[in-house]
């Protein structure tokens, strides 16, 4: 699971339904949803291998 900051909850949480995406500039990112409030979450950078 990928951890990201939820702006609405103001806390770091594990992303739900996380998927790898590529931004317009070609950099990798992770896109998902906050499990508590349902707000979209975004984490820039390559996901860490577990």
PDB file of N, CA and C in Angstrom:
ATOM      1  N   UNK A   1       0.832  -1.191   0.000  1.00  0.00           N
ATOM      2  CA  UNK A   1       0.000   0.000   0.000  1.00  0.00           C
ATOM      3  C   UNK A   1       0.874   1.251   0.000  1.00  0.00           C
ATOM      4  N   UNK A   2       0.366   2.294  -0.600  1.00  0.00           N
ATOM      5  CA  UNK A   2       1.093   3.549  -0.694  1.00  0.00           C
ATOM      6  C   UNK A   2       0.530   4.537   0.317  1.00  0.00           C
ATOM      7  N   UNK A   3       1.404   5.192   1.060  1.00  0.00           N
ATOM      8  CA  UNK A   3       0.998   6.194   2.035  1.00  0.00           C
ATOM      9  C   UNK A   3       1.112   7.563   1.390  1.00  0.00           C
ATOM     10  N   UNK A   4       0.064   8.382   1.578  1.00  0.00           N
ATOM     11  CA  UNK A   4       0.046   9.737   1.030  1.00  0.00           C
ATOM     12  C   UNK A   4      -0.656  10.650   2.026  1.00  0.00           C
ATOM     13  N   UNK A   5      -0.534  11.959   1.817  1.00  0.00           N
ATOM     14  CA  UNK A   5      -1.124  12.955   2.713  1.00  0.00           C
ATOM     15  C   UNK A   5      -2.503  13.347   2.212  1.00  0.00           C
ATOM     16  N   UNK A   6      -3.507  13.251   3.073  1.00  0.00           N
ATOM     17  CA  UNK A   6      -4.867  13.692   2.737  1.00  0.00           C
ATOM     18  C   UNK A   6      -5.020  15.137   3.180  1.00  0.00           C
ATOM     19  N   UNK A   7      -5.315  16.009   2.239  1.00  0.00           N
ATOM     20  CA  UNK A   7      -5.425  17.432   2.533  1.00  0.00           C
ATOM     21  C   UNK A   7      -6.668  17.728   3.378  1.00  0.00           C
ATOM     22  N   UNK A   8      -7.724  16.984   3.160  1.00  0.00           N
ATOM     23  CA  UNK A   8      -8.965  17.214   3.891  1.00  0.00           C
ATOM     24  C   UNK A   8      -8.863  16.741   5.343  1.00  0.00           C
ATOM     25  N   UNK A   9      -8.302  15.535   5.567  1.00  0.00           N
ATOM     26  CA  UNK A   9      -8.142  14.982   6.926  1.00  0.00           C
ATOM     27  C   UNK A   9      -6.910  15.555   7.639  1.00  0.00           C
ATOM     28  N   UNK A  10      -5.981  16.116   6.864  1.00  0.00           N
ATOM     29  CA  UNK A  10      -4.721  16.655   7.382  1.00  0.00           C
ATOM     30  C   UNK A  10      -3.907  15.587   8.106  1.00  0.00           C
ATOM     31  N   UNK A  11      -3.782  14.416   7.466  1.00  0.00           N
ATOM     32  CA  UNK A  11      -3.026  13.310   8.044  1.00  0.00           C
ATOM     33  C   UNK A  11      -2.538  12.392   6.927  1.00  0.00           C
ATOM     34  N   UNK A  12      -1.463  11.654   7.224  1.00  0.00           N
ATOM     35  CA  UNK A  12      -0.963  10.666   6.273  1.00  0.00           C
ATOM     36  C   UNK A  12      -1.770   9.395   6.440  1.00  0.00           C
ATOM     37  N   UNK A  13      -2.197   8.827   5.310  1.00  0.00           N
ATOM     38  CA  UNK A  13      -2.997   7.608   5.338  1.00  0.00           C
ATOM     39  C   UNK A  13      -2.635   6.727   4.161  1.00  0.00           C
ATOM     40  N   UNK A  14      -3.009   5.452   4.244  1.00  0.00           N
ATOM     41  CA  UNK A  14      -2.776   4.531   3.137  1.00  0.00           C
ATOM     42  C   UNK A  14      -3.834   4.769   2.066  1.00  0.00           C
ATOM     43  N   UNK A  15      -3.374   4.897   0.826  1.00  0.00           N
ATOM     44  CA  UNK A  15      -4.269   5.138  -0.300  1.00  0.00           C
ATOM     45  C   UNK A  15      -5.112   3.917  -0.602  1.00  0.00           C
ATOM     46  N   UNK A  16      -6.350   4.147  -0.948  1.00  0.00           N
ATOM     47  CA  UNK A  16      -7.239   3.079  -1.362  1.00  0.00           C
ATOM     48  C   UNK A  16      -7.363   3.148  -2.887  1.00  0.00           C
ATOM     49  N   UNK A  17      -7.452   2.029  -3.541  1.00  0.00           N
ATOM     50  CA  UNK A  17      -7.552   1.961  -5.009  1.00  0.00           C
ATOM     51  C   UNK A  17      -6.391   2.683  -5.687  1.00  0.00           C
ATOM     52  N   UNK A  18      -5.177   2.496  -5.166  1.00  0.00           N
ATOM     53  CA  UNK A  18      -3.996   3.166  -5.720  1.00  0.00           C
ATOM     54  C   UNK A  18      -3.633   2.581  -7.080  1.00  0.00           C
ATOM     55  N   UNK A  19      -3.266   3.461  -8.005  1.00  0.00           N
ATOM     56  CA  UNK A  19      -2.837   3.022  -9.331  1.00  0.00           C
ATOM     57  C   UNK A  19      -1.685   3.896  -9.799  1.00  0.00           C
ATOM     58  N   UNK A  20      -0.787   3.280 -10.556  1.00  0.00           N
ATOM     59  CA  UNK A  20       0.353   4.017 -11.096  1.00  0.00           C
ATOM     60  C   UNK A  20      -0.095   4.822 -12.301  1.00  0.00           C
ATOM     61  N   UNK A  21       0.300   6.093 -12.336  1.00  0.00           N
ATOM     62  CA  UNK A  21      -0.006   6.958 -13.467  1.00  0.00           C
ATOM     63  C   UNK A  21       1.262   7.694 -13.880  1.00  0.00           C
ATOM     64  N   UNK A  22       1.251   8.242 -15.070  1.00  0.00           N
ATOM     65  CA  UNK A  22       2.362   9.050 -15.556  1.00  0.00           C
ATOM     66  C   UNK A  22       1.839  10.462 -15.788  1.00  0.00           C
ATOM     67  N   UNK A  23       2.516  11.450 -15.202  1.00  0.00           N
ATOM     68  CA  UNK A  23       2.092  12.836 -15.353  1.00  0.00           C
ATOM     69  C   UNK A  23       2.448  13.343 -16.749  1.00  0.00           C
ATOM     70  N   UNK A  24       1.948  14.523 -17.095  1.00  0.00           N
ATOM     71  CA  UNK A  24       2.196  15.109 -18.412  1.00  0.00           C
ATOM     72  C   UNK A  24       3.674  15.291 -18.698  1.00  0.00           C
ATOM     73  N   UNK A  25       4.467  15.574 -17.655  1.00  0.00           N
ATOM     74  CA  UNK A  25       5.902  15.779 -17.859  1.00  0.00           C
ATOM     75  C   UNK A  25       6.689  14.472 -17.896  1.00  0.00           C
ATOM     76  N   UNK A  26       5.996  13.334 -17.812  1.00  0.00           N
ATOM     77  CA  UNK A  26       6.639  12.040 -17.921  1.00  0.00           C
ATOM     78  C   UNK A  26       7.069  11.415 -16.612  1.00  0.00           C
ATOM     79  N   UNK A  27       6.882  12.094 -15.490  1.00  0.00           N
ATOM     80  CA  UNK A  27       7.286  11.555 -14.192  1.00  0.00           C
ATOM     81  C   UNK A  27       6.210  10.616 -13.643  1.00  0.00           C
ATOM     82  N   UNK A  28       6.635   9.590 -12.906  1.00  0.00           N
ATOM     83  CA  UNK A  28       5.663   8.640 -12.340  1.00  0.00           C
ATOM     84  C   UNK A  28       4.978   9.209 -11.093  1.00  0.00           C
ATOM     85  N   UNK A  29       3.763   8.726 -10.824  1.00  0.00           N
ATOM     86  CA  UNK A  29       3.016   9.142  -9.643  1.00  0.00           C
ATOM     87  C   UNK A  29       2.026   8.043  -9.277  1.00  0.00           C
ATOM     88  N   UNK A  30       1.467   8.142  -8.072  1.00  0.00           N
ATOM     89  CA  UNK A  30       0.426   7.228  -7.617  1.00  0.00           C
ATOM     90  C   UNK A  30      -0.837   8.043  -7.346  1.00  0.00           C
ATOM     91  N   UNK A  31      -1.959   7.526  -7.795  1.00  0.00           N
ATOM     92  CA  UNK A  31      -3.228   8.214  -7.643  1.00  0.00           C
ATOM     93  C   UNK A  31      -4.188   7.283  -6.929  1.00  0.00           C
ATOM     94  N   UNK A  32      -4.904   7.801  -5.916  1.00  0.00           N
ATOM     95  CA  UNK A  32      -5.827   6.966  -5.159  1.00  0.00           C
ATOM     96  C   UNK A  32      -6.871   7.789  -4.438  1.00  0.00           C
ATOM     97  N   UNK A  33      -7.534   7.155  -3.456  1.00  0.00           N
ATOM     98  CA  UNK A  33      -8.622   7.779  -2.718  1.00  0.00           C
ATOM     99  C   UNK A  33      -8.382   7.587  -1.222  1.00  0.00           C
ATOM    100  N   UNK A  34      -8.743   8.598  -0.426  1.00  0.00           N
ATOM    101  CA  UNK A  34      -8.635   8.502   1.034  1.00  0.00           C
ATOM    102  C   UNK A  34      -9.681   7.506   1.541  1.00  0.00           C
ATOM    103  N   UNK A  35      -9.279   6.557   2.400  1.00  0.00           N
ATOM    104  CA  UNK A  35     -10.232   5.555   2.886  1.00  0.00           C
ATOM    105  C   UNK A  35     -11.296   6.126   3.825  1.00  0.00           C
ATOM    106  N   UNK A  36     -11.030   7.273   4.464  1.00  0.00           N
ATOM    107  CA  UNK A  36     -11.981   7.841   5.421  1.00  0.00           C
ATOM    108  C   UNK A  36     -12.962   8.829   4.795  1.00  0.00           C
ATOM    109  N   UNK A  37     -12.439   9.806   4.025  1.00  0.00           N
ATOM    110  CA  UNK A  37     -13.313  10.870   3.516  1.00  0.00           C
ATOM    111  C   UNK A  37     -13.593  10.768   2.014  1.00  0.00           C
ATOM    112  N   UNK A  38     -12.838   9.938   1.288  1.00  0.00           N
ATOM    113  CA  UNK A  38     -13.095   9.758  -0.137  1.00  0.00           C
ATOM    114  C   UNK A  38     -12.463  10.802  -1.038  1.00  0.00           C
ATOM    115  N   UNK A  39     -11.635  11.678  -0.481  1.00  0.00           N
ATOM    116  CA  UNK A  39     -10.961  12.702  -1.269  1.00  0.00           C
ATOM    117  C   UNK A  39      -9.858  12.067  -2.108  1.00  0.00           C
ATOM    118  N   UNK A  40      -9.645  12.609  -3.300  1.00  0.00           N
ATOM    119  CA  UNK A  40      -8.579  12.118  -4.158  1.00  0.00           C
ATOM    120  C   UNK A  40      -7.218  12.420  -3.558  1.00  0.00           C
ATOM    121  N   UNK A  41      -6.317  11.432  -3.596  1.00  0.00           N
ATOM    122  CA  UNK A  41      -4.961  11.596  -3.074  1.00  0.00           C
ATOM    123  C   UNK A  41      -3.973  11.371  -4.209  1.00  0.00           C
ATOM    124  N   UNK A  42      -2.835  12.037  -4.135  1.00  0.00           N
ATOM    125  CA  UNK A  42      -1.843  11.973  -5.197  1.00  0.00           C
ATOM    126  C   UNK A  42      -0.464  11.953  -4.570  1.00  0.00           C
ATOM    127  N   UNK A  43       0.380  11.037  -4.991  1.00  0.00           N
ATOM    128  CA  UNK A  43       1.751  10.968  -4.486  1.00  0.00           C
ATOM    129  C   UNK A  43       2.697  10.953  -5.675  1.00  0.00           C
ATOM    130  N   UNK A  44       3.532  11.983  -5.753  1.00  0.00           N
ATOM    131  CA  UNK A  44       4.470  12.109  -6.863  1.00  0.00           C
ATOM    132  C   UNK A  44       5.721  11.306  -6.551  1.00  0.00           C
ATOM    133  N   UNK A  45       6.224  10.601  -7.548  1.00  0.00           N
ATOM    134  CA  UNK A  45       7.439   9.806  -7.397  1.00  0.00           C
ATOM    135  C   UNK A  45       7.172   8.345  -7.646  1.00  0.00           C
ATOM    136  N   UNK A  46       8.236   7.628  -7.872  1.00  0.00           N
ATOM    137  CA  UNK A  46       8.151   6.204  -8.151  1.00  0.00           C
ATOM    138  C   UNK A  46       7.761   5.447  -6.869  1.00  0.00           C
ATOM    139  N   UNK A  47       6.828   4.515  -6.940  1.00  0.00           N
ATOM    140  CA  UNK A  47       6.449   3.751  -5.753  1.00  0.00           C
ATOM    141  C   UNK A  47       7.591   2.861  -5.272  1.00  0.00           C
ATOM    142  N   UNK A  48       7.739   2.722  -3.975  1.00  0.00           N
ATOM    143  CA  UNK A  48       8.803   1.905  -3.404  1.00  0.00           C
ATOM    144  C   UNK A  48       8.471   0.435  -3.546  1.00  0.00           C
ATOM    145  N   UNK A  49       9.452  -0.366  -3.885  1.00  0.00           N
ATOM    146  CA  UNK A  49       9.253  -1.813  -4.003  1.00  0.00           C
ATOM    147  C   UNK A  49       9.225  -2.436  -2.610  1.00  0.00           C
ATOM    148  N   UNK A  50       8.238  -3.265  -2.372  1.00  0.00           N
ATOM    149  CA  UNK A  50       8.095  -3.883  -1.055  1.00  0.00           C
ATOM    150  C   UNK A  50       8.415  -5.347  -1.107  1.00  0.00           C
TER     151      UNK A  50
END
